[in-house]
C-alpha cells in the first residue's frame, strides 16, 4: 500500500464468517474483481486478511482480527468470540474517509467471501 491508514474497528464475527475469511478467495474469471488471502491465526488468535484488486494484485485492505476463545464452541454453540480489531486501507492519491473504507471492506467481504456479518444487520 502506498499510503496506508489504520483504523480501530470493533466488529464481532461469527465462527462461520471467520471460516470464510480464513479460506480466502481466488478469482475464477475476469468478472471477479477482488481476491483475498489470509494468514493465521497465530498462537494468540490473531489473523490477517488481505483484500486485493484481482487485475493489478494491489492490496486495498488488510483486516486484523482475533479469535479470543473457541473452547467448547463446536459442542455448545457458545464460547466462540472473534472480532475484527483493525482495518488498514490504501488511501492512495485520494482522500478516503474511514466510513467509506469500512463500507467498501464490508461490501467486498459480503460479495466475494459470502460473509453474513450478521452483527451489522
C-alpha atoms as a PDB file:
ATOM      1  CA  UNK A   1       0.000   0.000   0.000  1.00  0.00           C
ATOM      2  CA  UNK A   2       1.389   3.371  -0.968  1.00  0.00           C
ATOM      3  CA  UNK A   3      -0.483   5.430   1.633  1.00  0.00           C
ATOM      4  CA  UNK A   4      -1.825   3.123   4.375  1.00  0.00           C
ATOM      5  CA  UNK A   5      -4.216   4.351   7.033  1.00  0.00           C
ATOM      6  CA  UNK A   6      -5.017   2.226  10.098  1.00  0.00           C
ATOM      7  CA  UNK A   7      -8.271   2.487  11.998  1.00  0.00           C
ATOM      8  CA  UNK A   8      -9.561   0.631  15.031  1.00  0.00           C
ATOM      9  CA  UNK A   9     -12.628  -1.453  14.243  1.00  0.00           C
ATOM     10  CA  UNK A  10     -14.524  -3.479  16.810  1.00  0.00           C
ATOM     11  CA  UNK A  11     -16.705  -5.728  14.683  1.00  0.00           C
ATOM     12  CA  UNK A  12     -17.877  -9.054  16.131  1.00  0.00           C
ATOM     13  CA  UNK A  13     -17.627 -12.058  13.824  1.00  0.00           C
ATOM     14  CA  UNK A  14     -19.446 -15.366  13.785  1.00  0.00           C
ATOM     15  CA  UNK A  15     -17.497 -18.596  13.592  1.00  0.00           C
ATOM     16  CA  UNK A  16     -18.887 -19.079  10.078  1.00  0.00           C
ATOM     17  CA  UNK A  17     -17.607 -15.670   8.946  1.00  0.00           C
ATOM     18  CA  UNK A  18     -14.145 -16.331  10.415  1.00  0.00           C
ATOM     19  CA  UNK A  19     -14.009 -19.614   8.492  1.00  0.00           C
ATOM     20  CA  UNK A  20     -14.910 -17.787   5.267  1.00  0.00           C
ATOM     21  CA  UNK A  21     -12.352 -15.024   5.884  1.00  0.00           C
ATOM     22  CA  UNK A  22      -9.578 -17.550   6.559  1.00  0.00           C
ATOM     23  CA  UNK A  23     -10.458 -19.595   3.458  1.00  0.00           C
ATOM     24  CA  UNK A  24      -9.807 -16.624   1.170  1.00  0.00           C
ATOM     25  CA  UNK A  25     -10.899 -16.206  -2.418  1.00  0.00           C
ATOM     26  CA  UNK A  26      -9.093 -16.781  -5.700  1.00  0.00           C
ATOM     27  CA  UNK A  27     -10.745 -15.164  -8.755  1.00  0.00           C
ATOM     28  CA  UNK A  28     -12.208 -17.579 -11.272  1.00  0.00           C
ATOM     29  CA  UNK A  29     -12.988 -15.170 -14.098  1.00  0.00           C
ATOM     30  CA  UNK A  30     -12.370 -11.609 -15.280  1.00  0.00           C
ATOM     31  CA  UNK A  31     -15.611 -10.524 -13.600  1.00  0.00           C
ATOM     32  CA  UNK A  32     -14.148 -11.367 -10.195  1.00  0.00           C
ATOM     33  CA  UNK A  33     -12.542  -8.059  -9.382  1.00  0.00           C
ATOM     34  CA  UNK A  34     -11.199  -8.987  -5.960  1.00  0.00           C
ATOM     35  CA  UNK A  35      -9.094 -11.688  -4.360  1.00  0.00           C
ATOM     36  CA  UNK A  36      -8.368 -12.469  -0.750  1.00  0.00           C
ATOM     37  CA  UNK A  37      -5.589 -14.183   1.191  1.00  0.00           C
ATOM     38  CA  UNK A  38      -5.363 -14.932   4.901  1.00  0.00           C
ATOM     39  CA  UNK A  39      -2.596 -15.605   7.413  1.00  0.00           C
ATOM     40  CA  UNK A  40      -3.088 -17.226  10.787  1.00  0.00           C
ATOM     41  CA  UNK A  41      -4.477 -17.453  13.305  1.00  0.00           C
ATOM     42  CA  UNK A  42      -1.289 -17.447  15.344  1.00  0.00           C
ATOM     43  CA  UNK A  43      -0.885 -18.686  18.939  1.00  0.00           C
ATOM     44  CA  UNK A  44      -2.592 -15.511  20.191  1.00  0.00           C
ATOM     45  CA  UNK A  45      -5.551 -15.990  17.847  1.00  0.00           C
ATOM     46  CA  UNK A  46      -4.534 -13.102  15.579  1.00  0.00           C
ATOM     47  CA  UNK A  47      -5.238 -13.434  11.868  1.00  0.00           C
ATOM     48  CA  UNK A  48      -4.763 -11.121   8.893  1.00  0.00           C
ATOM     49  CA  UNK A  49      -6.918 -10.997   5.785  1.00  0.00           C
ATOM     50  CA  UNK A  50      -5.658  -9.070   2.760  1.00  0.00           C
ATOM     51  CA  UNK A  51      -8.055  -7.922   0.045  1.00  0.00           C
ATOM     52  CA  UNK A  52      -6.558  -7.188  -3.372  1.00  0.00           C
ATOM     53  CA  UNK A  53      -7.783  -5.910  -6.706  1.00  0.00           C
ATOM     54  CA  UNK A  54      -7.508  -9.038  -8.838  1.00  0.00           C
ATOM     55  CA  UNK A  55      -6.239  -7.498 -12.083  1.00  0.00           C
ATOM     56  CA  UNK A  56      -3.442  -5.457 -10.529  1.00  0.00           C
ATOM     57  CA  UNK A  57      -2.845  -7.504  -7.362  1.00  0.00           C
ATOM     58  CA  UNK A  58      -2.673  -4.195  -5.495  1.00  0.00           C
ATOM     59  CA  UNK A  59      -3.600  -4.610  -1.859  1.00  0.00           C
ATOM     60  CA  UNK A  60      -6.506  -2.344  -0.937  1.00  0.00           C
ATOM     61  CA  UNK A  61      -7.364  -3.534   2.574  1.00  0.00           C
ATOM     62  CA  UNK A  62      -5.869  -5.529   5.419  1.00  0.00           C
ATOM     63  CA  UNK A  63      -8.143  -6.775   8.169  1.00  0.00           C
ATOM     64  CA  UNK A  64      -6.641  -7.699  11.524  1.00  0.00           C
ATOM     65  CA  UNK A  65      -8.830  -9.987  13.575  1.00  0.00           C
ATOM     66  CA  UNK A  66      -8.583 -12.015  16.727  1.00  0.00           C
ATOM     67  CA  UNK A  67     -10.174 -15.245  17.852  1.00  0.00           C
ATOM     68  CA  UNK A  68     -10.172 -14.899  21.613  1.00  0.00           C
ATOM     69  CA  UNK A  69     -11.999 -18.062  22.661  1.00  0.00           C
ATOM     70  CA  UNK A  70     -13.216 -21.187  21.000  1.00  0.00           C
ATOM     71  CA  UNK A  71     -13.177 -23.727  23.803  1.00  0.00           C
ATOM     72  CA  UNK A  72     -16.419 -25.672  23.646  1.00  0.00           C
ATOM     73  CA  UNK A  73     -17.693 -23.702  20.671  1.00  0.00           C
ATOM     74  CA  UNK A  74     -18.320 -26.732  18.498  1.00  0.00           C
ATOM     75  CA  UNK A  75     -20.395 -28.676  21.003  1.00  0.00           C
ATOM     76  CA  UNK A  76     -22.197 -25.935  22.905  1.00  0.00           C
ATOM     77  CA  UNK A  77     -22.588 -23.238  20.275  1.00  0.00           C
ATOM     78  CA  UNK A  78     -21.141 -20.770  22.750  1.00  0.00           C
ATOM     79  CA  UNK A  79     -17.747 -19.710  23.938  1.00  0.00           C
ATOM     80  CA  UNK A  80     -16.667 -18.589  20.484  1.00  0.00           C
ATOM     81  CA  UNK A  81     -15.572 -14.993  20.293  1.00  0.00           C
ATOM     82  CA  UNK A  82     -13.908 -13.358  17.326  1.00  0.00           C
ATOM     83  CA  UNK A  83     -13.630  -9.773  16.271  1.00  0.00           C
ATOM     84  CA  UNK A  84     -12.108  -7.551  13.628  1.00  0.00           C
ATOM     85  CA  UNK A  85      -9.803  -5.234  15.555  1.00  0.00           C
ATOM     86  CA  UNK A  86      -8.287  -3.051  12.826  1.00  0.00           C
ATOM     87  CA  UNK A  87      -8.737  -2.089   9.223  1.00  0.00           C
ATOM     88  CA  UNK A  88      -5.834  -0.811   7.156  1.00  0.00           C
ATOM     89  CA  UNK A  89      -6.686   0.671   3.777  1.00  0.00           C
ATOM     90  CA  UNK A  90      -4.800   2.302   0.957  1.00  0.00           C
ATOM     91  CA  UNK A  91      -5.689   5.957   0.769  1.00  0.00           C
ATOM     92  CA  UNK A  92      -3.719   6.224  -2.495  1.00  0.00           C
ATOM     93  CA  UNK A  93      -3.839   9.618  -4.146  1.00  0.00           C
ATOM     94  CA  UNK A  94      -7.376  10.372  -2.971  1.00  0.00           C
ATOM     95  CA  UNK A  95      -8.784  11.220   0.397  1.00  0.00           C
ATOM     96  CA  UNK A  96     -10.916   8.327   1.571  1.00  0.00           C
ATOM     97  CA  UNK A  97     -12.872   8.534   4.789  1.00  0.00           C
ATOM     98  CA  UNK A  98     -12.806   5.845   7.447  1.00  0.00           C
ATOM     99  CA  UNK A  99     -16.533   5.249   6.963  1.00  0.00           C
ATOM    100  CA  UNK A 100     -16.126   4.816   3.191  1.00  0.00           C
ATOM    101  CA  UNK A 101     -13.218   2.384   3.669  1.00  0.00           C
ATOM    102  CA  UNK A 102     -15.189   0.288   6.167  1.00  0.00           C
ATOM    103  CA  UNK A 103     -18.257   0.274   3.903  1.00  0.00           C
ATOM    104  CA  UNK A 104     -16.171  -0.925   0.954  1.00  0.00           C
ATOM    105  CA  UNK A 105     -14.450  -3.612   3.047  1.00  0.00           C
ATOM    106  CA  UNK A 106     -17.862  -4.839   4.257  1.00  0.00           C
ATOM    107  CA  UNK A 107     -19.151  -4.949   0.669  1.00  0.00           C
ATOM    108  CA  UNK A 108     -16.140  -6.959  -0.507  1.00  0.00           C
ATOM    109  CA  UNK A 109     -16.373  -9.387   2.438  1.00  0.00           C
ATOM    110  CA  UNK A 110     -20.057  -9.966   1.726  1.00  0.00           C
ATOM    111  CA  UNK A 111     -19.620 -10.227  -2.050  1.00  0.00           C
ATOM    112  CA  UNK A 112     -16.545 -12.375  -2.629  1.00  0.00           C
ATOM    113  CA  UNK A 113     -16.297 -14.192   0.701  1.00  0.00           C
ATOM    114  CA  UNK A 114     -20.059 -14.501   1.269  1.00  0.00           C
ATOM    115  CA  UNK A 115     -19.744 -13.357   4.875  1.00  0.00           C
ATOM    116  CA  UNK A 116     -23.041 -12.699   6.635  1.00  0.00           C
ATOM    117  CA  UNK A 117     -21.686 -10.127   9.089  1.00  0.00           C
ATOM    118  CA  UNK A 118     -24.960 -10.500  10.962  1.00  0.00           C
ATOM    119  CA  UNK A 119     -23.898  -8.028  13.656  1.00  0.00           C
ATOM    120  CA  UNK A 120     -24.296  -5.269  11.047  1.00  0.00           C
ATOM    121  CA  UNK A 121     -27.887  -6.121  10.147  1.00  0.00           C
END
